[in-house]
Amino acid sequence: MANNIIEIKDVTKEYDGKTVVRNESISIKHGEFVTLLGPSGCGKTTTLRMIAGFEKPTSGRIYFDGEDITDLPPHKRPVNTVFQKYALFPHLNVFNNIAFGLKLKTIPDGTTYTDKKGRTFDNMRKYTKAEIAEKVNHALKMVDLEDYGHRDVNSLSGGQQQRVAIARAIVNEPKLLLLDEPLGALDLKMRKDMQIELMDMHKRLGITFVYVTHDQEEALTMSDTIVVMRDGEVQQIGTPRKIYDEPANAFVADFIGESNIVSGIMIDDYKCSFIGTEFECVDKGFKPNEPVDIIVRPEDIYITKGKNAEKGQLTATVTSCVFKGDHYDILCDANGNELQIVENTECNVGEEIGIFIPKEEIHIMHKSRIINEYETEMQEDGVVKMCEADFKTQSTLPAGTKVKVSVPFNKIDVTDDEADGTVGADVVSSIYKGSYYQVILRTDYDYDFFVDTEDEWLKGDRVGINIKPEDIIVEAL
């Protein structure tokens, strides 16, 4: 048996030329509870469907216990899937819903036969009624529905229907159980209860679970390993604690829990600067004075008050303090940057407080990009073509010159109406960075513009992009 039950190697999936999963590589160990986590449209369900065999990768391979199953049809894979819409048969009772797959399944009967070429094969038979009843009743017991076999599925609650769907999946004794947002249709209390039940069921069954959700709390609660995805790409793989405490980038930090994300400078090893203040940190290996993203969790910031306020590393003014039952959620202004703090101490709006951040709680991230760059060539009259649109520049380079065009993040004008822009784009990400939003805009030609703006834009918004000629930097290649 291979060390990993599932290996996804360099898998890409495209629909009509649009890439929904890009160069994905994931390994899943036997018996793990692995969660694919990310916002809608990030490729997590497509990944699950490729494991199940409902979708075939455009490129790359998928292995099960070391064997290539990329081209194997779904019914030949030792895998069962539980969907968000449970897909129960309304005309069958609970018992027959669970028994449906068993009635179709064949198993070796203990005898063999030899064909004309001398090859030996097992004789196959179907399960007997007694064997089916035993397996179904065992599955019902596993999901705590022992006395529900005779019930009409339409008479069950959402949580009970979900458990019937799980029982129908596990009764076939799959080596791998795939769950595609199975709790999505349940109310909050039932979701919480079913999270505990699923965790307990995973331990009792001992089989591998691969779970898809966009709910970060659900992923942190239930998983052995979390795979964070965004725009078809894996951002980070790790334990829930690793993902939360040491996010790989600003997106992961923003998506998993609450975070203060600000731009800063890595002055040198173990020394950084942000919010106008120098801090000691535990990171090294960055270039001197490299621009970086700084991430600090709200619960990792400590405050000093009154006469001790000036003993903090910097001072801030409280702008909001909300009681949340077991803590106060505090917002404050520190040198023009908004910080969120989770504390047990109540503060008054307008109060000056001191802030202290332990060096081990400051997480330094490389910036994925520090300026927008685009390679193209000069047209007539100082015009360059970007994303199939013409932008006027102040360059005097002759037409036909190969050039690199650079645009700072804060020099891009975003318009509500796509028609008012030189080129149209979709908002694919928006992260608040203390005093501004960093927005990623994806054009129809698959180029991403990074934009720093005071305006908040929502994922999925359709916008226009304009850039002034004086803000476009042109260099000959």
Protein backbone atom coordinates (compact mmCIF):
# COMPACT_ATOMS: atom_id res chain seq x y z
CA MET A 1 0.00 0.00 0.00
CA ALA A 2 1.28 3.46 -0.90
CA ASN A 3 1.98 6.00 1.86
CA ASN A 4 -0.70 8.29 0.40
CA ILE A 5 -4.19 7.16 -0.56
CA ILE A 6 -4.55 10.09 -3.00
CA GLU A 7 -1.87 11.95 -4.95
CA ILE A 8 -2.84 14.80 -7.24
CA LYS A 9 0.16 15.68 -9.41
CA ASP A 10 0.38 18.87 -11.49
CA VAL A 11 -3.34 18.80 -12.29
CA THR A 12 -4.93 21.57 -14.37
CA LYS A 13 -8.60 21.72 -15.33
CA GLU A 14 -10.03 24.06 -17.97
CA TYR A 15 -13.60 24.71 -19.10
CA ASP A 16 -13.97 26.40 -22.50
CA GLY A 17 -10.44 27.79 -22.23
CA LYS A 18 -10.98 29.15 -18.70
CA THR A 19 -8.65 27.64 -16.07
CA VAL A 20 -10.48 26.68 -12.87
CA VAL A 21 -7.70 24.54 -11.33
CA ARG A 22 -4.10 25.43 -12.05
CA ASN A 23 -1.06 23.14 -11.60
CA GLU A 24 -2.45 21.55 -8.43
CA SER A 25 -0.45 19.03 -6.38
CA ILE A 26 -1.93 17.56 -3.18
CA SER A 27 -1.08 14.38 -1.22
CA ILE A 28 -3.62 12.83 1.16
CA LYS A 29 -2.60 10.18 3.71
CA HIS A 30 -4.59 7.12 4.71
CA GLY A 31 -7.13 7.89 7.45
CA GLU A 32 -6.74 11.69 7.26
CA PHE A 33 -9.57 14.20 7.52
CA VAL A 34 -8.57 16.69 4.80
CA THR A 35 -10.57 19.84 4.09
CA LEU A 36 -10.43 21.80 0.83
CA LEU A 37 -11.16 25.36 1.94
CA GLY A 38 -11.67 28.53 -0.06
CA PRO A 39 -14.18 31.06 -1.37
CA SER A 40 -16.77 30.22 -4.02
CA GLY A 41 -15.22 29.56 -7.43
CA CYS A 42 -11.75 28.71 -6.09
CA GLY A 43 -11.73 25.17 -7.60
CA LYS A 44 -12.32 23.06 -4.49
CA THR A 45 -15.46 21.28 -5.76
CA THR A 46 -13.83 20.73 -9.17
CA THR A 47 -10.89 19.09 -7.35
CA LEU A 48 -13.29 16.83 -5.45
CA ARG A 49 -15.12 15.88 -8.66
CA MET A 50 -11.81 14.98 -10.34
CA ILE A 51 -10.95 12.67 -7.41
CA ALA A 52 -14.41 11.09 -7.74
CA GLY A 53 -14.04 10.68 -11.52
CA PHE A 54 -16.95 12.98 -12.47
CA GLU A 55 -14.46 15.33 -14.15
CA LYS A 56 -11.25 14.50 -16.03
CA PRO A 57 -8.16 16.73 -15.67
CA THR A 58 -7.08 18.71 -18.71
CA SER A 59 -3.51 17.81 -17.74
CA GLY A 60 -1.77 16.08 -14.83
CA ARG A 61 -2.47 12.76 -13.14
CA ILE A 62 -4.39 11.46 -10.11
CA TYR A 63 -3.19 8.37 -8.20
CA PHE A 64 -5.09 6.15 -5.75
CA ASP A 65 -2.89 3.94 -3.53
CA GLY A 66 -0.10 4.44 -6.07
CA GLU A 67 -2.21 3.43 -9.10
CA ASP A 68 -3.08 5.93 -11.83
CA ILE A 69 -6.89 6.41 -11.82
CA THR A 70 -7.00 9.54 -14.01
CA ASP A 71 -8.92 7.73 -16.77
CA LEU A 72 -10.87 5.33 -14.52
CA PRO A 73 -14.68 5.88 -14.56
CA PRO A 74 -16.39 6.79 -11.25
CA HIS A 75 -18.07 3.42 -10.66
CA LYS A 76 -14.70 1.65 -10.72
CA ARG A 77 -13.15 3.87 -8.03
CA PRO A 78 -13.33 2.78 -4.33
CA VAL A 79 -14.77 6.20 -3.54
CA ASN A 80 -18.18 7.46 -2.45
CA THR A 81 -19.47 11.04 -2.49
CA VAL A 82 -21.91 12.87 -0.22
CA PHE A 83 -23.35 15.97 -1.91
CA GLN A 84 -24.78 19.17 -0.43
CA LYS A 85 -28.16 18.26 -1.93
CA TYR A 86 -28.30 14.78 -0.53
CA ALA A 87 -29.70 13.25 -3.77
CA LEU A 88 -31.84 10.72 -1.89
CA PHE A 89 -34.45 8.74 -3.82
CA PRO A 90 -37.85 10.19 -2.74
CA HIS A 91 -39.79 7.04 -3.74
CA LEU A 92 -37.64 4.77 -1.51
CA ASN A 93 -37.67 4.57 2.28
CA VAL A 94 -34.53 5.04 4.37
CA PHE A 95 -33.56 1.34 4.30
CA ASN A 96 -33.87 1.04 0.52
CA ASN A 97 -32.03 4.32 -0.09
CA ILE A 98 -29.05 2.96 1.82
CA ALA A 99 -29.35 -0.52 0.26
CA PHE A 100 -29.54 0.76 -3.33
CA GLY A 101 -25.81 0.51 -4.09
CA LEU A 102 -25.45 -2.86 -2.36
CA LYS A 103 -28.17 -4.39 -4.55
CA LEU A 104 -26.13 -3.51 -7.65
CA LYS A 105 -22.75 -4.58 -6.27
CA THR A 106 -21.13 -7.94 -6.99
CA ILE A 107 -18.49 -9.72 -4.89
CA PRO A 108 -16.37 -12.89 -5.35
CA ASP A 109 -18.27 -16.05 -4.37
CA GLY A 110 -15.14 -17.96 -3.38
CA THR A 111 -14.82 -19.98 -6.60
CA THR A 112 -12.87 -19.34 -9.78
CA TYR A 113 -13.01 -20.20 -13.47
CA THR A 114 -10.37 -20.40 -16.22
CA ASP A 115 -10.92 -18.97 -19.68
CA LYS A 116 -9.67 -20.39 -22.99
CA LYS A 117 -6.38 -18.51 -22.64
CA GLY A 118 -5.69 -20.11 -19.28
CA ARG A 119 -6.44 -16.99 -17.24
CA THR A 120 -8.11 -17.45 -13.84
CA PHE A 121 -10.94 -15.21 -12.69
CA ASP A 122 -13.20 -15.01 -9.64
CA ASN A 123 -16.83 -16.03 -10.01
CA MET A 124 -19.01 -13.14 -8.83
CA ARG A 125 -22.31 -13.04 -6.99
CA LYS A 126 -24.67 -10.45 -5.57
CA TYR A 127 -25.25 -9.87 -1.88
CA THR A 128 -28.05 -11.89 -0.28
CA LYS A 129 -31.00 -10.13 1.35
CA ALA A 130 -29.66 -11.12 4.77
CA GLU A 131 -26.22 -9.68 4.00
CA ILE A 132 -27.76 -6.43 2.71
CA ALA A 133 -29.95 -6.13 5.81
CA GLU A 134 -26.95 -6.69 8.09
CA LYS A 135 -24.87 -4.05 6.33
CA VAL A 136 -27.69 -1.49 6.15
CA ASN A 137 -28.58 -1.92 9.82
CA HIS A 138 -24.90 -1.53 10.75
CA ALA A 139 -24.69 1.68 8.68
CA LEU A 140 -27.89 3.00 10.33
CA LYS A 141 -26.33 2.32 13.74
CA MET A 142 -23.18 4.19 12.71
CA VAL A 143 -25.21 7.34 11.97
CA ASP A 144 -27.53 6.91 14.98
CA LEU A 145 -30.67 6.13 12.93
CA GLU A 146 -31.23 2.51 14.00
CA ASP A 147 -35.04 2.72 14.14
CA TYR A 148 -35.52 4.80 11.00
CA GLY A 149 -35.19 2.16 8.27
CA HIS A 150 -38.91 2.08 7.49
CA ARG A 151 -39.33 5.86 7.42
CA ASP A 152 -40.08 7.90 4.28
CA VAL A 153 -37.03 10.09 3.54
CA ASN A 154 -39.32 13.11 2.99
CA SER A 155 -40.47 12.86 6.62
CA LEU A 156 -36.94 13.34 7.96
CA SER A 157 -35.30 16.56 9.10
CA GLY A 158 -32.37 18.03 7.16
CA GLY A 159 -29.86 16.61 9.63
CA GLN A 160 -31.43 13.15 9.45
CA GLN A 161 -31.43 13.21 5.63
CA GLN A 162 -27.77 14.20 5.72
CA ARG A 163 -27.00 11.19 7.92
CA VAL A 164 -28.93 8.90 5.56
CA ALA A 165 -26.78 10.20 2.68
CA ILE A 166 -23.64 9.43 4.71
CA ALA A 167 -24.93 5.97 5.61
CA ARG A 168 -25.62 5.27 1.92
CA ALA A 169 -22.02 6.26 1.17
CA ILE A 170 -20.31 4.27 3.95
CA VAL A 171 -22.40 1.10 3.53
CA ASN A 172 -20.35 0.28 0.41
CA GLU A 173 -17.20 0.37 2.56
CA PRO A 174 -15.28 2.88 0.43
CA LYS A 175 -11.63 3.55 1.15
CA LEU A 176 -12.28 7.25 0.61
CA LEU A 177 -15.33 9.35 1.45
CA LEU A 178 -15.77 12.67 -0.39
CA LEU A 179 -18.08 15.27 1.17
CA ASP A 180 -19.08 18.30 -0.90
CA GLU A 181 -20.37 20.95 1.54
CA PRO A 182 -22.75 18.39 3.13
CA LEU A 183 -23.75 20.76 5.95
CA GLY A 184 -24.53 23.73 3.70
CA ALA A 185 -28.32 23.28 3.86
CA LEU A 186 -28.50 22.98 7.67
CA ASP A 187 -29.20 25.70 10.23
CA LEU A 188 -26.37 26.91 12.49
CA LYS A 189 -27.14 24.71 15.51
CA MET A 190 -27.56 21.60 13.38
CA ARG A 191 -24.29 22.39 11.55
CA LYS A 192 -22.46 22.52 14.89
CA ASP A 193 -24.00 19.21 16.00
CA MET A 194 -23.22 17.52 12.68
CA GLN A 195 -19.60 18.73 12.78
CA ILE A 196 -19.13 16.81 16.03
CA GLU A 197 -20.94 13.77 14.62
CA LEU A 198 -18.80 13.75 11.46
CA MET A 199 -15.59 13.99 13.49
CA ASP A 200 -16.73 11.10 15.69
CA MET A 201 -17.79 9.08 12.64
CA HIS A 202 -14.41 9.64 11.00
CA LYS A 203 -12.66 8.23 14.07
CA ARG A 204 -14.97 5.21 14.26
CA LEU A 205 -14.80 4.35 10.55
CA GLY A 206 -11.05 4.89 10.17
CA ILE A 207 -11.44 5.78 6.48
CA THR A 208 -10.13 8.87 4.71
CA PHE A 209 -12.43 11.91 4.52
CA VAL A 210 -11.97 14.69 1.95
CA TYR A 211 -14.31 17.55 2.84
CA VAL A 212 -15.15 20.68 0.85
CA THR A 213 -16.30 23.88 2.56
CA HIS A 214 -16.00 27.67 2.43
CA ASP A 215 -16.59 27.87 6.20
CA GLN A 216 -13.26 28.57 7.91
CA GLU A 217 -14.55 27.69 11.40
CA GLU A 218 -15.82 24.34 10.11
CA ALA A 219 -12.41 23.60 8.58
CA LEU A 220 -10.48 24.60 11.71
CA THR A 221 -12.79 22.51 13.92
CA MET A 222 -12.88 19.26 11.98
CA SER A 223 -9.69 18.80 9.97
CA ASP A 224 -6.37 17.05 10.38
CA THR A 225 -5.11 18.95 7.33
CA ILE A 226 -6.46 22.02 5.51
CA VAL A 227 -5.80 22.85 1.86
CA VAL A 228 -6.49 26.57 1.30
CA MET A 229 -7.37 27.40 -2.31
CA ARG A 230 -7.84 30.61 -4.25
CA ASP A 231 -8.57 31.12 -7.95
CA GLY A 232 -7.76 27.49 -8.75
CA GLU A 233 -4.39 27.49 -6.97
CA VAL A 234 -3.31 25.94 -3.68
CA GLN A 235 -2.18 28.72 -1.33
CA GLN A 236 -1.17 26.64 1.70
CA ILE A 237 -1.40 23.09 3.06
CA GLY A 238 -1.04 22.45 6.78
CA THR A 239 -2.65 21.62 10.11
CA PRO A 240 -5.37 23.98 11.37
CA ARG A 241 -2.95 25.47 13.92
CA LYS A 242 -0.21 25.94 11.31
CA ILE A 243 -2.64 27.59 8.89
CA TYR A 244 -3.94 29.93 11.59
CA ASP A 245 -0.69 30.75 13.38
CA GLU A 246 1.61 30.86 10.35
CA PRO A 247 -0.38 31.86 7.24
CA ALA A 248 1.60 31.62 4.02
CA ASN A 249 0.37 34.92 2.60
CA ALA A 250 -1.99 37.82 3.14
CA PHE A 251 -4.90 36.00 1.46
CA VAL A 252 -4.68 33.03 3.86
CA ALA A 253 -4.37 35.36 6.85
CA ASP A 254 -7.38 37.37 5.69
CA PHE A 255 -9.50 34.32 4.88
CA ILE A 256 -8.73 32.31 8.03
CA GLY A 257 -9.95 34.21 11.07
CA GLU A 258 -9.51 37.91 11.77
CA SER A 259 -6.17 39.56 10.97
CA ASN A 260 -4.49 42.94 10.98
CA ILE A 261 -2.70 43.12 7.62
CA VAL A 262 -0.52 46.16 6.92
CA SER A 263 2.29 47.01 4.56
CA GLY A 264 5.74 47.33 6.08
CA ILE A 265 9.48 47.17 5.51
CA MET A 266 11.84 44.36 6.50
CA ILE A 267 14.74 46.53 7.65
CA ASP A 268 17.10 43.63 8.33
CA ASP A 269 17.07 40.17 9.89
CA TYR A 270 14.84 40.20 12.99
CA LYS A 271 13.87 43.87 12.52
CA CYS A 272 10.88 45.32 10.68
CA SER A 273 8.96 48.57 10.46
CA PHE A 274 5.24 49.19 10.13
CA ILE A 275 2.71 51.80 11.29
CA GLY A 276 5.64 54.21 11.56
CA THR A 277 7.36 52.13 14.25
CA GLU A 278 10.29 49.72 14.36
CA PHE A 279 9.64 46.27 15.86
CA GLU A 280 11.74 43.25 16.65
CA CYS A 281 10.53 40.06 14.94
CA VAL A 282 11.68 36.45 14.53
CA ASP A 283 11.92 36.41 10.72
CA LYS A 284 15.07 36.55 8.61
CA GLY A 285 16.29 35.97 5.06
CA PHE A 286 14.60 38.97 3.45
CA LYS A 287 16.42 41.59 1.41
CA PRO A 288 17.40 44.73 3.38
CA ASN A 289 14.52 47.24 3.26
CA GLU A 290 12.32 44.83 1.29
CA PRO A 291 8.61 45.84 1.15
CA VAL A 292 6.58 43.15 2.93
CA ASP A 293 3.13 42.40 4.28
CA ILE A 294 2.89 42.29 8.09
CA ILE A 295 0.23 40.14 9.76
CA VAL A 296 -0.77 40.31 13.43
CA ARG A 297 -3.78 38.50 14.89
CA PRO A 298 -6.11 40.70 17.03
CA GLU A 299 -5.68 38.43 20.06
CA ASP A 300 -1.88 38.80 19.88
CA ILE A 301 -1.91 42.56 20.58
CA TYR A 302 -1.67 43.71 24.21
CA ILE A 303 -2.69 47.11 25.54
CA THR A 304 -1.51 49.36 28.38
CA LYS A 305 -3.72 52.09 29.83
CA GLY A 306 -3.58 55.30 31.79
CA LYS A 307 -0.14 56.27 33.02
CA ASN A 308 1.29 53.09 31.46
CA ALA A 309 0.02 53.92 27.94
CA GLU A 310 3.37 55.40 26.94
CA LYS A 311 5.14 52.17 27.92
CA GLY A 312 3.78 50.51 24.78
CA GLN A 313 5.73 50.30 21.54
CA LEU A 314 3.33 52.89 20.10
CA THR A 315 0.18 54.70 21.16
CA ALA A 316 -3.25 54.61 19.57
CA THR A 317 -6.70 56.16 19.95
CA VAL A 318 -9.71 53.91 20.60
CA THR A 319 -12.41 54.40 17.95
CA SER A 320 -14.74 51.53 18.96
CA CYS A 321 -15.15 49.04 21.82
CA VAL A 322 -17.83 46.34 21.61
CA PHE A 323 -18.53 43.75 24.34
CA LYS A 324 -18.69 40.22 22.82
CA GLY A 325 -19.53 38.16 25.92
CA ASP A 326 -16.10 36.83 26.86
CA HIS A 327 -14.00 39.67 25.40
CA TYR A 328 -14.03 43.18 24.00
CA ASP A 329 -13.56 43.80 20.29
CA ILE A 330 -11.58 47.04 20.10
CA LEU A 331 -10.79 49.16 17.05
CA CYS A 332 -8.15 51.86 17.33
CA ASP A 333 -6.27 54.34 15.15
CA ALA A 334 -2.49 54.02 15.25
CA ASN A 335 -0.67 56.58 13.10
CA GLY A 336 -3.50 56.53 10.55
CA ASN A 337 -3.84 52.73 10.51
CA GLU A 338 -6.84 50.87 11.90
CA LEU A 339 -5.98 47.99 14.23
CA GLN A 340 -8.38 45.40 15.62
CA ILE A 341 -7.64 44.12 19.14
CA VAL A 342 -9.29 41.34 21.14
CA GLU A 343 -8.88 42.06 24.87
CA ASN A 344 -10.50 41.37 28.23
CA THR A 345 -10.13 45.04 29.20
CA GLU A 346 -12.84 47.58 28.38
CA CYS A 347 -11.73 50.81 26.71
CA ASN A 348 -13.54 54.09 26.12
CA VAL A 349 -13.91 55.66 22.69
CA GLY A 350 -11.32 58.45 22.38
CA GLU A 351 -9.05 56.92 25.05
CA GLU A 352 -5.31 56.87 24.39
CA ILE A 353 -3.81 53.38 24.86
CA GLY A 354 -0.39 51.85 24.51
CA ILE A 355 0.14 48.89 22.20
CA PHE A 356 2.60 46.04 22.66
CA ILE A 357 3.12 43.23 20.11
CA PRO A 358 5.44 40.32 21.08
CA LYS A 359 8.05 39.69 18.40
CA GLU A 360 6.95 36.07 17.87
CA GLU A 361 3.42 37.26 17.02
CA ILE A 362 4.59 39.41 14.09
CA HIS A 363 4.34 37.40 10.86
CA ILE A 364 6.26 38.64 7.81
CA MET A 365 5.09 37.78 4.28
CA HIS A 366 6.72 38.38 0.91
CA LYS A 367 4.55 40.58 -1.28
CA SER A 368 3.31 38.71 -4.34
CA ARG A 369 3.85 41.88 -6.38
CA ILE A 370 5.13 45.39 -5.66
CA ILE A 371 4.19 47.03 -8.98
CA ASN A 372 2.01 46.16 -11.98
CA GLU A 373 4.16 45.18 -14.98
CA TYR A 374 3.17 44.36 -18.54
CA GLU A 375 5.34 43.56 -21.57
CA THR A 376 4.11 44.96 -24.85
CA GLU A 377 5.31 47.20 -27.70
CA MET A 378 4.93 50.85 -28.56
CA GLN A 379 2.25 51.94 -31.02
CA GLU A 380 2.11 55.32 -32.80
CA ASP A 381 1.99 58.57 -30.80
CA GLY A 382 3.17 57.09 -27.47
CA VAL A 383 0.34 54.58 -27.20
CA VAL A 384 0.85 51.12 -25.66
CA LYS A 385 -1.51 48.19 -25.90
CA MET A 386 -2.41 46.42 -22.63
CA CYS A 387 -5.10 43.74 -22.40
CA GLU A 388 -6.13 44.54 -25.99
CA ALA A 389 -6.82 48.18 -25.05
CA ASP A 390 -4.89 51.32 -26.03
CA PHE A 391 -3.37 53.43 -23.24
CA LYS A 392 -1.81 56.82 -23.92
CA THR A 393 1.64 57.38 -22.33
CA GLN A 394 4.21 60.20 -22.28
CA SER A 395 6.86 57.98 -23.90
CA THR A 396 8.65 59.16 -27.05
CA LEU A 397 9.98 55.70 -28.00
CA PRO A 398 9.33 54.82 -31.66
CA ALA A 399 6.50 52.49 -32.69
CA GLY A 400 7.48 48.81 -32.64
CA THR A 401 9.84 49.15 -29.66
CA LYS A 402 9.46 46.25 -27.22
CA VAL A 403 8.76 47.77 -23.80
CA LYS A 404 7.98 46.97 -20.19
CA VAL A 405 5.10 49.03 -18.83
CA SER A 406 4.89 49.59 -15.05
CA VAL A 407 2.00 51.10 -13.10
CA PRO A 408 2.08 51.69 -9.29
CA PHE A 409 -0.81 50.17 -7.32
CA ASN A 410 -2.13 53.57 -6.25
CA LYS A 411 -2.14 55.06 -9.77
CA ILE A 412 -5.02 53.02 -11.17
CA ASP A 413 -8.49 54.56 -11.29
CA VAL A 414 -11.35 52.10 -10.82
CA THR A 415 -14.82 53.03 -12.13
CA ASP A 416 -18.23 51.65 -11.15
CA ASP A 417 -19.29 51.35 -14.76
CA GLU A 418 -17.16 49.14 -17.01
CA ALA A 419 -18.11 51.34 -19.98
CA ASP A 420 -16.35 54.31 -18.35
CA GLY A 421 -13.03 52.42 -18.26
CA THR A 422 -10.41 51.83 -20.92
CA VAL A 423 -10.58 48.12 -20.12
CA GLY A 424 -13.06 46.02 -18.09
CA ALA A 425 -12.23 43.68 -15.21
CA ASP A 426 -13.72 41.58 -12.40
CA VAL A 427 -12.89 42.10 -8.72
CA VAL A 428 -11.35 38.79 -7.58
CA SER A 429 -9.99 39.84 -4.18
CA SER A 430 -10.13 42.71 -1.69
CA ILE A 431 -7.98 42.82 1.45
CA TYR A 432 -8.10 45.65 4.00
CA LYS A 433 -4.61 46.79 4.97
CA GLY A 434 -5.25 49.12 7.87
CA SER A 435 -5.64 52.38 5.95
CA TYR A 436 -6.58 51.22 2.44
CA TYR A 437 -7.87 48.24 0.45
CA GLN A 438 -5.66 46.20 -1.84
CA VAL A 439 -7.88 44.98 -4.66
CA ILE A 440 -7.00 42.51 -7.41
CA LEU A 441 -8.76 43.13 -10.72
CA ARG A 442 -8.72 40.40 -13.39
CA THR A 443 -9.22 41.51 -16.97
CA ASP A 444 -10.89 39.38 -19.64
CA TYR A 445 -7.39 38.65 -20.95
CA ASP A 446 -6.38 36.97 -17.66
CA TYR A 447 -4.03 39.74 -16.49
CA ASP A 448 -4.32 40.82 -12.84
CA PHE A 449 -3.99 44.47 -11.85
CA PHE A 450 -3.19 45.16 -8.17
CA VAL A 451 -4.86 48.37 -6.96
CA ASP A 452 -4.45 50.30 -3.69
CA THR A 453 -7.62 52.28 -3.03
CA GLU A 454 -9.63 53.83 -0.22
CA ASP A 455 -12.81 52.41 -1.77
CA GLU A 456 -14.12 48.99 -0.80
CA TRP A 457 -15.01 46.71 -3.72
CA LEU A 458 -16.79 43.39 -3.47
CA LYS A 459 -15.59 40.14 -5.03
CA GLY A 460 -17.44 39.67 -8.31
CA ASP A 461 -17.99 43.38 -9.02
CA ARG A 462 -17.54 44.32 -12.67
CA VAL A 463 -15.49 47.53 -13.01
CA GLY A 464 -13.59 49.67 -15.49
CA ILE A 465 -9.87 50.57 -15.36
CA ASN A 466 -8.34 53.91 -16.32
CA ILE A 467 -4.68 54.99 -16.04
CA LYS A 468 -3.38 58.54 -16.63
CA PRO A 469 -0.56 58.88 -19.21
CA GLU A 470 1.82 60.39 -16.62
CA ASP A 471 1.34 57.37 -14.32
CA ILE A 472 2.46 54.78 -16.88
CA ILE A 473 6.20 54.10 -16.67
CA VAL A 474 7.67 52.86 -20.00
CA GLU A 475 11.08 51.18 -20.35
CA ALA A 476 12.59 49.75 -23.54
CA LEU A 477 13.41 46.03 -23.27
